[in-house]
Every structure is written in structure tokens, then in C-alpha cells.
Amino acid sequence: MYRHPEAQYAELGLGGKWGKLVVWLFGEEWLSSQMDLQLFQWYSVCVSWSHRNDRPALYINGDQINLTSAYNTNTPFISPLIWKLSPNGSLTLGAGHIITNGNIKILPFTTLLGKLSLFRIWSRERSKEEVTSLNCTEGDLVKWEKAHWDMSYCGPLIDTSLKCGECAKFELVFKGAICKN
């Protein structure tokens, strides 16, 4: 989950709730229909967004999943004129968090049940064809490489069954900006 540095709302996130996948984007919550994701099965999950669209796109194993607004509004939570990830926010993988006294505090009952590998962020929207054809291609804003991770909490777990890498809970400091043109 990526949190705004001051307002403490989720600017970007992916999780689960009541058997549905949830995408948070610029403070708005988007829900899938009921999902029956099996334990011990690897899934490729991708969230894609562009300033040209009023909603994120969610792909599971290359198939686009319909998302509906959790708040059933016709207007965005945040004005489209300011749709951008704020620099100097905080990102945690595998758990939700808040910032307390300048430190990341993991929220109870938000930790990932499973493994996470190959987290990346690109500076542009990826098409369905690109999403399904990516084979360990690095992002251009956030890459899956050791230099980007703060490993003071815990080191990586070696797992050769994961595709392209392995991860425990890491903190990443986002130094770029994704802006609406």
C-alpha cells in the first residue's frame, strides 16, 4: 500500500476484503466480484491505470477483472486534475500501514497470506498484451532489485519456486512522481 505522506489515505493499494479483491487508487476503493483464489497456487496480478481512464484495470493471470466503485458515486473521490502519487509517501508490500511519529506501523489483520514476487511500477499504462507478455521485465520507476529495498526490518527469503525474485515485508521509498498530463 502506498500512503500519502501527510493525508494518510491510500493512494495506491491492492488487497482483499469479503472474498473480493480491492484496488485503492487516489483515495477511492474499487472492488472485484467474488474471487475464488486457491491456496498454494501462483497468480499473476497486475493493476494498470492511465490518466485517460476514470478507473484502474485489474488483471489476474492476464484476464481483465471488472471493478466497481465501492462508494457507488459518479464523481471521483479526488479531482481528476490532481491525480498523481505524491512524492515522499510510504509503500509497504504485503501489509497495510500508517505512519506514526515518522515510523511505519503495520496495521493488524492486513498482512498477506502467501508470497509476493516481482513488484514493479512503470511510468506509463501497460496494455493487456504487455501485461500478459511480461517476463521479468523491470519497471522504470520501481524495479525488483535489492538496491530499492530497505531491508532493516528483515532480509529476503530465498525461494527458488518464485518467479524472478522473492520478498518478505519490505519498505520502499518512492522518489518519483506519477502525474496526470
Protein backbone atom coordinates (compact mmCIF):
# COMPACT_ATOMS: atom_id res chain seq x y z
CA MET A 1 0.00 0.00 0.00
CA TYR A 2 1.29 3.46 -0.92
CA ARG A 3 0.20 6.16 1.51
CA HIS A 4 0.16 9.91 1.02
CA PRO A 5 2.91 11.45 3.20
CA GLU A 6 0.58 13.87 5.01
CA ALA A 7 -3.08 12.96 4.48
CA GLN A 8 -2.64 9.27 5.45
CA TYR A 9 -5.02 7.86 2.86
CA ALA A 10 -4.21 5.01 0.47
CA GLU A 11 -3.15 6.49 -2.86
CA LEU A 12 -2.37 3.07 -4.33
CA GLY A 13 -3.02 -0.38 -2.94
CA LEU A 14 -4.16 -3.92 -3.59
CA GLY A 15 -5.74 -6.23 -1.05
CA GLY A 16 -8.71 -8.40 -0.23
CA LYS A 17 -11.99 -7.88 1.57
CA TRP A 18 -15.01 -10.20 2.00
CA GLY A 19 -13.79 -12.58 -0.73
CA LYS A 20 -13.21 -9.77 -3.23
CA LEU A 21 -10.04 -8.14 -4.49
CA VAL A 22 -9.75 -4.44 -3.64
CA VAL A 23 -7.79 -1.77 -5.51
CA TRP A 24 -7.24 1.60 -3.84
CA LEU A 25 -6.36 4.45 -6.19
CA PHE A 26 -6.15 8.11 -5.15
CA GLY A 27 -8.31 7.52 -2.08
CA GLU A 28 -11.05 5.66 -3.95
CA GLU A 29 -11.80 1.97 -3.37
CA TRP A 30 -12.59 -0.41 -6.25
CA LEU A 31 -13.96 -3.95 -5.75
CA SER A 32 -13.96 -7.07 -7.91
CA SER A 33 -16.78 -9.59 -7.86
CA GLN A 34 -16.34 -12.61 -5.55
CA MET A 35 -12.98 -14.28 -6.28
CA ASP A 36 -12.12 -17.89 -5.52
CA LEU A 37 -8.33 -17.71 -5.39
CA GLN A 38 -6.89 -21.08 -4.41
CA LEU A 39 -4.27 -21.59 -1.72
CA PHE A 40 -0.83 -22.76 -2.90
CA GLN A 41 -1.43 -21.56 -6.46
CA TRP A 42 0.61 -18.81 -8.10
CA TYR A 43 -1.33 -15.87 -9.57
CA SER A 44 -0.05 -13.04 -11.71
CA VAL A 45 -1.81 -9.85 -10.58
CA CYS A 46 -1.48 -6.51 -12.33
CA VAL A 47 -3.12 -3.14 -11.67
CA SER A 48 -2.88 -0.70 -14.56
CA TRP A 49 -4.06 2.90 -14.73
CA SER A 50 -3.80 5.90 -17.03
CA HIS A 51 -4.99 9.48 -16.64
CA ARG A 52 -7.19 8.81 -19.71
CA ASN A 53 -9.30 6.32 -17.73
CA ASP A 54 -11.55 7.04 -14.77
CA ARG A 55 -10.84 3.66 -13.15
CA PRO A 56 -7.96 1.23 -12.67
CA ALA A 57 -7.73 -2.01 -14.66
CA LEU A 58 -7.12 -5.26 -12.75
CA TYR A 59 -5.69 -8.36 -14.43
CA ILE A 60 -5.47 -11.85 -12.91
CA ASN A 61 -3.31 -14.22 -14.98
CA GLY A 62 -3.81 -11.88 -17.95
CA ASP A 63 -7.62 -11.79 -17.74
CA GLN A 64 -9.15 -8.39 -17.04
CA ILE A 65 -11.41 -8.38 -13.97
CA ASN A 66 -14.34 -5.96 -13.76
CA LEU A 67 -14.04 -3.43 -10.93
CA THR A 68 -16.84 -1.35 -9.45
CA SER A 69 -16.56 1.63 -7.15
CA ALA A 70 -17.11 0.68 -3.51
CA TYR A 71 -18.84 4.01 -2.92
CA ASN A 72 -21.13 3.89 -6.00
CA THR A 73 -20.52 7.51 -6.90
CA ASN A 74 -20.33 9.10 -10.32
CA THR A 75 -17.68 11.56 -9.20
CA PRO A 76 -14.12 10.68 -8.21
CA PHE A 77 -13.05 10.87 -4.57
CA ILE A 78 -10.25 13.22 -5.63
CA SER A 79 -10.46 15.66 -8.52
CA PRO A 80 -9.01 14.20 -11.76
CA LEU A 81 -6.99 17.42 -12.04
CA ILE A 82 -4.73 16.28 -9.19
CA TRP A 83 -4.50 12.55 -9.92
CA LYS A 84 -0.87 11.83 -9.07
CA LEU A 85 1.02 9.85 -6.48
CA SER A 86 2.51 12.27 -4.01
CA PRO A 87 6.28 12.04 -3.67
CA ASN A 88 7.77 11.05 -0.31
CA GLY A 89 4.87 8.80 0.63
CA SER A 90 5.43 5.34 2.07
CA LEU A 91 4.99 1.96 0.42
CA THR A 92 4.76 -1.40 2.14
CA LEU A 93 4.39 -4.71 0.35
CA GLY A 94 2.40 -7.49 1.95
CA ALA A 95 0.69 -5.34 4.61
CA GLY A 96 -1.30 -2.16 5.13
CA HIS A 97 0.26 0.56 7.25
CA ILE A 98 0.03 4.01 8.77
CA ILE A 99 2.75 6.46 9.75
CA THR A 100 3.03 7.17 13.47
CA ASN A 101 5.69 9.59 14.74
CA GLY A 102 7.55 9.23 11.44
CA ASN A 103 7.65 5.42 11.62
CA ILE A 104 5.74 2.82 9.64
CA LYS A 105 3.24 0.89 11.76
CA ILE A 106 1.80 -2.27 10.19
CA LEU A 107 -1.99 -2.41 10.55
CA PRO A 108 -3.34 -5.52 12.31
CA PHE A 109 -5.01 -8.18 10.15
CA THR A 110 -3.68 -6.70 6.87
CA THR A 111 -0.74 -8.99 6.21
CA LEU A 112 -0.53 -11.00 3.02
CA LEU A 113 -1.22 -14.72 3.27
CA GLY A 114 1.24 -16.02 0.73
CA LYS A 115 4.30 -14.84 -1.16
CA LEU A 116 4.99 -11.78 -3.24
CA SER A 117 7.42 -11.56 -6.10
CA LEU A 118 8.30 -9.19 -8.92
CA PHE A 119 6.66 -5.95 -7.74
CA ARG A 120 7.27 -3.20 -10.30
CA ILE A 121 5.94 0.23 -11.27
CA TRP A 122 6.12 1.73 -14.76
CA SER A 123 5.70 5.35 -15.77
CA ARG A 124 3.01 4.51 -18.31
CA GLU A 125 -0.09 2.35 -18.58
CA ARG A 126 0.55 -1.19 -19.76
CA SER A 127 -1.78 -2.71 -22.36
CA LYS A 128 -3.40 -6.12 -21.88
CA GLU A 129 -0.90 -7.55 -24.38
CA GLU A 130 2.03 -6.11 -22.43
CA VAL A 131 0.63 -7.33 -19.12
CA THR A 132 0.30 -10.90 -20.37
CA SER A 133 3.68 -10.96 -22.14
CA LEU A 134 5.92 -9.51 -19.41
CA ASN A 135 8.60 -11.96 -18.45
CA CYS A 136 10.58 -10.44 -15.57
CA THR A 137 10.77 -7.07 -17.33
CA GLU A 138 11.81 -4.40 -14.85
CA GLY A 139 9.67 -1.35 -14.16
CA ASP A 140 11.14 2.04 -14.96
CA LEU A 141 10.03 3.75 -11.71
CA VAL A 142 10.27 0.86 -9.25
CA LYS A 143 12.39 -2.17 -10.06
CA TRP A 144 12.58 -5.56 -8.39
CA GLU A 145 16.16 -5.23 -7.28
CA LYS A 146 17.89 -5.23 -3.92
CA ALA A 147 19.04 -1.60 -4.16
CA HIS A 148 15.42 -0.38 -3.89
CA TRP A 149 14.51 -2.17 -0.68
CA ASP A 150 15.03 -1.13 2.95
CA MET A 151 15.99 -4.47 4.50
CA SER A 152 16.45 -3.19 8.04
CA TYR A 153 13.23 -4.98 9.10
CA CYS A 154 14.13 -8.35 7.65
CA GLY A 155 16.21 -9.84 4.89
CA PRO A 156 14.90 -11.57 1.77
CA LEU A 157 13.81 -15.18 1.95
CA ILE A 158 15.36 -17.43 -0.66
CA ASP A 159 12.68 -19.35 -2.54
CA THR A 160 13.59 -20.82 -5.91
CA SER A 161 9.94 -21.60 -6.70
CA LEU A 162 9.13 -17.90 -7.10
CA LYS A 163 9.34 -16.27 -10.49
CA CYS A 164 12.19 -13.71 -10.80
CA GLY A 165 12.69 -12.99 -7.10
CA GLU A 166 11.46 -13.32 -3.56
CA CYS A 167 10.12 -10.99 -0.89
CA ALA A 168 9.22 -10.65 2.74
CA LYS A 169 7.76 -7.36 4.04
CA PHE A 170 9.93 -4.51 2.79
CA GLU A 171 9.63 -0.75 2.87
CA LEU A 172 10.33 1.22 -0.29
CA VAL A 173 10.75 4.97 -0.50
CA PHE A 174 9.16 6.32 -3.69
CA LYS A 175 11.29 9.14 -5.14
CA GLY A 176 9.37 9.83 -8.35
CA ALA A 177 6.00 11.20 -9.35
CA ILE A 178 3.22 9.74 -11.47
CA CYS A 179 1.20 12.67 -12.77
CA LYS A 180 -1.86 13.34 -14.89
CA ASN A 181 -0.85 15.28 -18.01
